[in-house]
Amino acid sequence: MMQDNKTDKKLLFKGLKTLLFSLLSLFMGPILLSFAFSKPDEPLYLPLLIIGCAICAMAVFMMFKGIKIIMDSMFKK
């Protein structure tokens, strides 16, 4: 018997939503970092720097997670 090798559409859209969220984070993180580096004497320098770095790291993690979800939807385990 052959199995149906069709893509799981719900899982595919979940992966695409994750990639879209990571794409938005990829733009938002460096923008916050540039705001922080433009005025290092301001009192919000350190919080903006920490938040910007965290958003950049989260964006990279979400990219890998989204790609893994999409691959799982195409090639079922």
PDB file of N, CA and C in Angstrom:
ATOM      1  N   MET A   1       0.825  -1.177   0.000  1.00  0.00           N
ATOM      2  CA  MET A   1       0.000   0.000   0.000  1.00  0.00           C
ATOM      3  C   MET A   1       0.875   1.249   0.000  1.00  0.00           C
ATOM      4  N   MET A   2       0.497   2.193  -0.807  1.00  0.00           N
ATOM      5  CA  MET A   2       1.243   3.442  -0.858  1.00  0.00           C
ATOM      6  C   MET A   2       0.566   4.478   0.033  1.00  0.00           C
ATOM      7  N   GLN A   3       1.400   5.249   0.690  1.00  0.00           N
ATOM      8  CA  GLN A   3       0.867   6.323   1.519  1.00  0.00           C
ATOM      9  C   GLN A   3       0.635   7.559   0.669  1.00  0.00           C
ATOM     10  N   ASP A   4      -0.320   8.373   1.109  1.00  0.00           N
ATOM     11  CA  ASP A   4      -0.534   9.652   0.445  1.00  0.00           C
ATOM     12  C   ASP A   4       0.565  10.618   0.880  1.00  0.00           C
ATOM     13  N   ASN A   5       1.323  11.139  -0.049  1.00  0.00           N
ATOM     14  CA  ASN A   5       2.388  12.081   0.265  1.00  0.00           C
ATOM     15  C   ASN A   5       1.932  13.498  -0.056  1.00  0.00           C
ATOM     16  N   LYS A   6       0.864  13.912   0.572  1.00  0.00           N
ATOM     17  CA  LYS A   6       0.359  15.255   0.344  1.00  0.00           C
ATOM     18  C   LYS A   6       0.820  16.166   1.465  1.00  0.00           C
ATOM     19  N   THR A   7       0.917  17.431   1.150  1.00  0.00           N
ATOM     20  CA  THR A   7       1.347  18.426   2.119  1.00  0.00           C
ATOM     21  C   THR A   7       0.216  18.738   3.091  1.00  0.00           C
ATOM     22  N   ASP A   8       0.563  18.792   4.373  1.00  0.00           N
ATOM     23  CA  ASP A   8      -0.402  19.179   5.403  1.00  0.00           C
ATOM     24  C   ASP A   8      -0.569  20.697   5.350  1.00  0.00           C
ATOM     25  N   LYS A   9      -1.710  21.154   4.863  1.00  0.00           N
ATOM     26  CA  LYS A   9      -1.927  22.580   4.600  1.00  0.00           C
ATOM     27  C   LYS A   9      -1.929  23.410   5.887  1.00  0.00           C
ATOM     28  N   LYS A  10      -2.530  22.890   6.958  1.00  0.00           N
ATOM     29  CA  LYS A  10      -2.576  23.640   8.213  1.00  0.00           C
ATOM     30  C   LYS A  10      -1.173  23.867   8.758  1.00  0.00           C
ATOM     31  N   LEU A  11      -0.357  22.837   8.702  1.00  0.00           N
ATOM     32  CA  LEU A  11       1.011  22.945   9.190  1.00  0.00           C
ATOM     33  C   LEU A  11       1.840  23.867   8.298  1.00  0.00           C
ATOM     34  N   LEU A  12       1.575  23.833   7.000  1.00  0.00           N
ATOM     35  CA  LEU A  12       2.279  24.713   6.068  1.00  0.00           C
ATOM     36  C   LEU A  12       1.963  26.178   6.353  1.00  0.00           C
ATOM     37  N   PHE A  13       0.698  26.511   6.575  1.00  0.00           N
ATOM     38  CA  PHE A  13       0.332  27.889   6.868  1.00  0.00           C
ATOM     39  C   PHE A  13       0.880  28.339   8.228  1.00  0.00           C
ATOM     40  N   LYS A  14       0.974  27.407   9.177  1.00  0.00           N
ATOM     41  CA  LYS A  14       1.577  27.743  10.469  1.00  0.00           C
ATOM     42  C   LYS A  14       3.053  28.092  10.273  1.00  0.00           C
ATOM     43  N   GLY A  15       3.742  27.343   9.437  1.00  0.00           N
ATOM     44  CA  GLY A  15       5.148  27.640   9.159  1.00  0.00           C
ATOM     45  C   GLY A  15       5.320  28.953   8.426  1.00  0.00           C
ATOM     46  N   LEU A  16       4.415  29.251   7.500  1.00  0.00           N
ATOM     47  CA  LEU A  16       4.492  30.520   6.775  1.00  0.00           C
ATOM     48  C   LEU A  16       4.216  31.711   7.701  1.00  0.00           C
ATOM     49  N   LYS A  17       3.284  31.540   8.646  1.00  0.00           N
ATOM     50  CA  LYS A  17       3.024  32.607   9.610  1.00  0.00           C
ATOM     51  C   LYS A  17       4.245  32.835  10.497  1.00  0.00           C
ATOM     52  N   THR A  18       4.920  31.749  10.870  1.00  0.00           N
ATOM     53  CA  THR A  18       6.132  31.874  11.680  1.00  0.00           C
ATOM     54  C   THR A  18       7.220  32.605  10.910  1.00  0.00           C
ATOM     55  N   LEU A  19       7.366  32.300   9.618  1.00  0.00           N
ATOM     56  CA  LEU A  19       8.357  32.995   8.797  1.00  0.00           C
ATOM     57  C   LEU A  19       8.005  34.462   8.608  1.00  0.00           C
ATOM     58  N   LEU A  20       6.730  34.777   8.486  1.00  0.00           N
ATOM     59  CA  LEU A  20       6.312  36.174   8.354  1.00  0.00           C
ATOM     60  C   LEU A  20       6.635  36.956   9.625  1.00  0.00           C
ATOM     61  N   PHE A  21       6.379  36.339  10.778  1.00  0.00           N
ATOM     62  CA  PHE A  21       6.690  36.983  12.049  1.00  0.00           C
ATOM     63  C   PHE A  21       8.200  37.200  12.192  1.00  0.00           C
ATOM     64  N   SER A  22       8.989  36.220  11.738  1.00  0.00           N
ATOM     65  CA  SER A  22      10.440  36.378  11.828  1.00  0.00           C
ATOM     66  C   SER A  22      10.930  37.453  10.868  1.00  0.00           C
ATOM     67  N   LEU A  23      10.272  37.599   9.712  1.00  0.00           N
ATOM     68  CA  LEU A  23      10.657  38.649   8.770  1.00  0.00           C
ATOM     69  C   LEU A  23      10.420  40.033   9.370  1.00  0.00           C
ATOM     70  N   LEU A  24       9.297  40.201  10.059  1.00  0.00           N
ATOM     71  CA  LEU A  24       9.029  41.477  10.726  1.00  0.00           C
ATOM     72  C   LEU A  24      10.050  41.736  11.836  1.00  0.00           C
ATOM     73  N   SER A  25      10.426  40.688  12.543  1.00  0.00           N
ATOM     74  CA  SER A  25      11.420  40.835  13.604  1.00  0.00           C
ATOM     75  C   SER A  25      12.800  41.135  13.036  1.00  0.00           C
ATOM     76  N   LEU A  26      13.082  40.621  11.848  1.00  0.00           N
ATOM     77  CA  LEU A  26      14.374  40.895  11.222  1.00  0.00           C
ATOM     78  C   LEU A  26      14.537  42.375  10.893  1.00  0.00           C
ATOM     79  N   PHE A  27      13.456  43.077  10.659  1.00  0.00           N
ATOM     80  CA  PHE A  27      13.531  44.512  10.413  1.00  0.00           C
ATOM     81  C   PHE A  27      13.476  45.313  11.716  1.00  0.00           C
ATOM     82  N   MET A  28      12.654  44.863  12.663  1.00  0.00           N
ATOM     83  CA  MET A  28      12.445  45.626  13.885  1.00  0.00           C
ATOM     84  C   MET A  28      13.680  45.603  14.795  1.00  0.00           C
ATOM     85  N   GLY A  29      14.381  44.481  14.878  1.00  0.00           N
ATOM     86  CA  GLY A  29      15.559  44.378  15.743  1.00  0.00           C
ATOM     87  C   GLY A  29      16.678  45.331  15.359  1.00  0.00           C
ATOM     88  N   PRO A  30      17.139  45.324  14.111  1.00  0.00           N
ATOM     89  CA  PRO A  30      18.202  46.270  13.734  1.00  0.00           C
ATOM     90  C   PRO A  30      17.784  47.737  13.821  1.00  0.00           C
ATOM     91  N   ILE A  31      16.507  48.030  13.616  1.00  0.00           N
ATOM     92  CA  ILE A  31      16.053  49.417  13.765  1.00  0.00           C
ATOM     93  C   ILE A  31      16.202  49.863  15.221  1.00  0.00           C
ATOM     94  N   LEU A  32      15.812  48.996  16.151  1.00  0.00           N
ATOM     95  CA  LEU A  32      15.985  49.332  17.568  1.00  0.00           C
ATOM     96  C   LEU A  32      17.463  49.461  17.931  1.00  0.00           C
ATOM     97  N   LEU A  33      18.298  48.596  17.360  1.00  0.00           N
ATOM     98  CA  LEU A  33      19.730  48.687  17.635  1.00  0.00           C
ATOM     99  C   LEU A  33      20.322  49.984  17.089  1.00  0.00           C
ATOM    100  N   SER A  34      19.872  50.401  15.927  1.00  0.00           N
ATOM    101  CA  SER A  34      20.403  51.655  15.381  1.00  0.00           C
ATOM    102  C   SER A  34      19.941  52.851  16.210  1.00  0.00           C
ATOM    103  N   PHE A  35      18.716  52.807  16.747  1.00  0.00           N
ATOM    104  CA  PHE A  35      18.272  53.865  17.653  1.00  0.00           C
ATOM    105  C   PHE A  35      19.149  53.894  18.910  1.00  0.00           C
ATOM    106  N   ALA A  36      19.472  52.705  19.425  1.00  0.00           N
ATOM    107  CA  ALA A  36      20.281  52.643  20.640  1.00  0.00           C
ATOM    108  C   ALA A  36      21.694  53.152  20.378  1.00  0.00           C
ATOM    109  N   PHE A  37      22.298  52.758  19.251  1.00  0.00           N
ATOM    110  CA  PHE A  37      23.676  53.163  18.965  1.00  0.00           C
ATOM    111  C   PHE A  37      23.789  54.622  18.534  1.00  0.00           C
ATOM    112  N   SER A  38      22.694  55.226  18.112  1.00  0.00           N
ATOM    113  CA  SER A  38      22.771  56.619  17.674  1.00  0.00           C
ATOM    114  C   SER A  38      22.930  57.585  18.852  1.00  0.00           C
ATOM    115  N   LYS A  39      22.405  57.202  20.011  1.00  0.00           N
ATOM    116  CA  LYS A  39      22.510  58.071  21.192  1.00  0.00           C
ATOM    117  C   LYS A  39      22.926  57.253  22.417  1.00  0.00           C
ATOM    118  N   PRO A  40      24.221  56.969  22.537  1.00  0.00           N
ATOM    119  CA  PRO A  40      24.659  56.129  23.675  1.00  0.00           C
ATOM    120  C   PRO A  40      24.614  56.842  25.024  1.00  0.00           C
ATOM    121  N   ASP A  41      24.434  58.157  25.047  1.00  0.00           N
ATOM    122  CA  ASP A  41      24.389  58.877  26.324  1.00  0.00           C
ATOM    123  C   ASP A  41      22.987  58.935  26.924  1.00  0.00           C
ATOM    124  N   GLU A  42      21.985  58.549  26.187  1.00  0.00           N
ATOM    125  CA  GLU A  42      20.603  58.580  26.674  1.00  0.00           C
ATOM    126  C   GLU A  42      20.380  57.506  27.748  1.00  0.00           C
ATOM    127  N   PRO A  43      19.405  57.719  28.637  1.00  0.00           N
ATOM    128  CA  PRO A  43      19.129  56.702  29.666  1.00  0.00           C
ATOM    129  C   PRO A  43      18.484  55.430  29.102  1.00  0.00           C
ATOM    130  N   LEU A  44      17.890  55.496  27.910  1.00  0.00           N
ATOM    131  CA  LEU A  44      17.263  54.308  27.317  1.00  0.00           C
ATOM    132  C   LEU A  44      18.237  53.494  26.460  1.00  0.00           C
ATOM    133  N   TYR A  45      19.529  53.816  26.510  1.00  0.00           N
ATOM    134  CA  TYR A  45      20.510  53.126  25.681  1.00  0.00           C
ATOM    135  C   TYR A  45      20.551  51.628  25.999  1.00  0.00           C
ATOM    136  N   LEU A  46      20.720  51.297  27.258  1.00  0.00           N
ATOM    137  CA  LEU A  46      20.865  49.886  27.634  1.00  0.00           C
ATOM    138  C   LEU A  46      19.587  49.071  27.417  1.00  0.00           C
ATOM    139  N   PRO A  47      18.398  49.580  27.806  1.00  0.00           N
ATOM    140  CA  PRO A  47      17.190  48.786  27.516  1.00  0.00           C
ATOM    141  C   PRO A  47      16.943  48.579  26.019  1.00  0.00           C
ATOM    142  N   LEU A  48      17.181  49.623  25.207  1.00  0.00           N
ATOM    143  CA  LEU A  48      17.007  49.463  23.756  1.00  0.00           C
ATOM    144  C   LEU A  48      18.008  48.471  23.183  1.00  0.00           C
ATOM    145  N   LEU A  49      19.231  48.505  23.696  1.00  0.00           N
ATOM    146  CA  LEU A  49      20.255  47.579  23.228  1.00  0.00           C
ATOM    147  C   LEU A  49      19.889  46.138  23.563  1.00  0.00           C
ATOM    148  N   ILE A  50      19.416  45.908  24.763  1.00  0.00           N
ATOM    149  CA  ILE A  50      19.046  44.550  25.190  1.00  0.00           C
ATOM    150  C   ILE A  50      17.831  44.054  24.403  1.00  0.00           C
ATOM    151  N   ILE A  51      16.827  44.896  24.262  1.00  0.00           N
ATOM    152  CA  ILE A  51      15.617  44.500  23.530  1.00  0.00           C
ATOM    153  C   ILE A  51      15.928  44.253  22.058  1.00  0.00           C
ATOM    154  N   GLY A  52      16.754  45.107  21.452  1.00  0.00           N
ATOM    155  CA  GLY A  52      17.125  44.931  20.052  1.00  0.00           C
ATOM    156  C   GLY A  52      17.889  43.636  19.817  1.00  0.00           C
ATOM    157  N   CYS A  53      18.825  43.323  20.703  1.00  0.00           N
ATOM    158  CA  CYS A  53      19.579  42.062  20.576  1.00  0.00           C
ATOM    159  C   CYS A  53      18.660  40.853  20.766  1.00  0.00           C
ATOM    160  N   ALA A  54      17.741  40.950  21.710  1.00  0.00           N
ATOM    161  CA  ALA A  54      16.814  39.840  21.955  1.00  0.00           C
ATOM    162  C   ALA A  54      15.897  39.619  20.755  1.00  0.00           C
ATOM    163  N   ILE A  55      15.432  40.694  20.138  1.00  0.00           N
ATOM    164  CA  ILE A  55      14.554  40.572  18.970  1.00  0.00           C
ATOM    165  C   ILE A  55      15.318  39.979  17.790  1.00  0.00           C
ATOM    166  N   CYS A  56      16.583  40.375  17.614  1.00  0.00           N
ATOM    167  CA  CYS A  56      17.392  39.805  16.525  1.00  0.00           C
ATOM    168  C   CYS A  56      17.613  38.309  16.732  1.00  0.00           C
ATOM    169  N   ALA A  57      17.927  37.916  17.961  1.00  0.00           N
ATOM    170  CA  ALA A  57      18.125  36.497  18.252  1.00  0.00           C
ATOM    171  C   ALA A  57      16.828  35.715  18.066  1.00  0.00           C
ATOM    172  N   MET A  58      15.702  36.303  18.487  1.00  0.00           N
ATOM    173  CA  MET A  58      14.413  35.638  18.324  1.00  0.00           C
ATOM    174  C   MET A  58      14.065  35.477  16.844  1.00  0.00           C
ATOM    175  N   ALA A  59      14.430  36.459  16.019  1.00  0.00           N
ATOM    176  CA  ALA A  59      14.136  36.388  14.591  1.00  0.00           C
ATOM    177  C   ALA A  59      14.879  35.228  13.937  1.00  0.00           C
ATOM    178  N   VAL A  60      16.135  35.049  14.297  1.00  0.00           N
ATOM    179  CA  VAL A  60      16.916  33.945  13.727  1.00  0.00           C
ATOM    180  C   VAL A  60      16.330  32.607  14.179  1.00  0.00           C
ATOM    181  N   PHE A  61      15.980  32.512  15.466  1.00  0.00           N
ATOM    182  CA  PHE A  61      15.380  31.278  15.973  1.00  0.00           C
ATOM    183  C   PHE A  61      14.051  30.975  15.282  1.00  0.00           C
ATOM    184  N   MET A  62      13.221  32.006  15.104  1.00  0.00           N
ATOM    185  CA  MET A  62      11.924  31.805  14.464  1.00  0.00           C
ATOM    186  C   MET A  62      12.066  31.427  12.991  1.00  0.00           C
ATOM    187  N   MET A  63      13.116  31.907  12.326  1.00  0.00           N
ATOM    188  CA  MET A  63      13.347  31.502  10.934  1.00  0.00           C
ATOM    189  C   MET A  63      13.608  30.004  10.851  1.00  0.00           C
ATOM    190  N   PHE A  64      14.503  29.508  11.701  1.00  0.00           N
ATOM    191  CA  PHE A  64      14.798  28.080  11.689  1.00  0.00           C
ATOM    192  C   PHE A  64      13.569  27.258  12.073  1.00  0.00           C
ATOM    193  N   LYS A  65      12.817  27.735  13.050  1.00  0.00           N
ATOM    194  CA  LYS A  65      11.609  27.026  13.479  1.00  0.00           C
ATOM    195  C   LYS A  65      10.569  26.989  12.350  1.00  0.00           C
ATOM    196  N   GLY A  66      10.384  28.117  11.650  1.00  0.00           N
ATOM    197  CA  GLY A  66       9.428  28.165  10.544  1.00  0.00           C
ATOM    198  C   GLY A  66       9.817  27.239   9.409  1.00  0.00           C
ATOM    199  N   ILE A  67      11.110  27.205   9.077  1.00  0.00           N
ATOM    200  CA  ILE A  67      11.576  26.311   8.012  1.00  0.00           C
ATOM    201  C   ILE A  67      11.379  24.861   8.426  1.00  0.00           C
ATOM    202  N   LYS A  68      11.627  24.547   9.696  1.00  0.00           N
ATOM    203  CA  LYS A  68      11.425  23.170  10.173  1.00  0.00           C
ATOM    204  C   LYS A  68       9.952  22.776  10.103  1.00  0.00           C
ATOM    205  N   ILE A  69       9.057  23.689  10.465  1.00  0.00           N
ATOM    206  CA  ILE A  69       7.616  23.401  10.407  1.00  0.00           C
ATOM    207  C   ILE A  69       7.193  23.157   8.961  1.00  0.00           C
ATOM    208  N   ILE A  70       7.690  23.967   8.034  1.00  0.00           N
ATOM    209  CA  ILE A  70       7.339  23.787   6.628  1.00  0.00           C
ATOM    210  C   ILE A  70       7.868  22.456   6.108  1.00  0.00           C
ATOM    211  N   MET A  71       9.080  22.101   6.477  1.00  0.00           N
ATOM    212  CA  MET A  71       9.644  20.821   6.035  1.00  0.00           C
ATOM    213  C   MET A  71       8.854  19.644   6.636  1.00  0.00           C
ATOM    214  N   ASP A  72       8.423  19.781   7.902  1.00  0.00           N
ATOM    215  CA  ASP A  72       7.603  18.729   8.507  1.00  0.00           C
ATOM    216  C   ASP A  72       6.256  18.594   7.818  1.00  0.00           C
ATOM    217  N   SER A  73       5.715  19.707   7.296  1.00  0.00           N
ATOM    218  CA  SER A  73       4.427  19.620   6.621  1.00  0.00           C
ATOM    219  C   SER A  73       4.559  18.910   5.273  1.00  0.00           C
ATOM    220  N   MET A  74       5.709  19.051   4.644  1.00  0.00           N
ATOM    221  CA  MET A  74       5.910  18.401   3.339  1.00  0.00           C
ATOM    222  C   MET A  74       6.345  16.950   3.476  1.00  0.00           C
ATOM    223  N   PHE A  75       7.281  16.713   4.381  1.00  0.00           N
ATOM    224  CA  PHE A  75       7.823  15.369   4.569  1.00  0.00           C
ATOM    225  C   PHE A  75       7.449  14.886   5.946  1.00  0.00           C
ATOM    226  N   LYS A  76       6.326  14.206   6.043  1.00  0.00           N
ATOM    227  CA  LYS A  76       5.816  13.745   7.334  1.00  0.00           C
ATOM    228  C   LYS A  76       6.757  12.718   7.923  1.00  0.00           C
ATOM    229  N   LYS A  77       6.815  12.740   9.246  1.00  0.00           N
ATOM    230  CA  LYS A  77       7.681  11.769   9.938  1.00  0.00           C
ATOM    231  C   LYS A  77       7.001  10.420  10.023  1.00  0.00           C
TER     232      LYS A  77
END
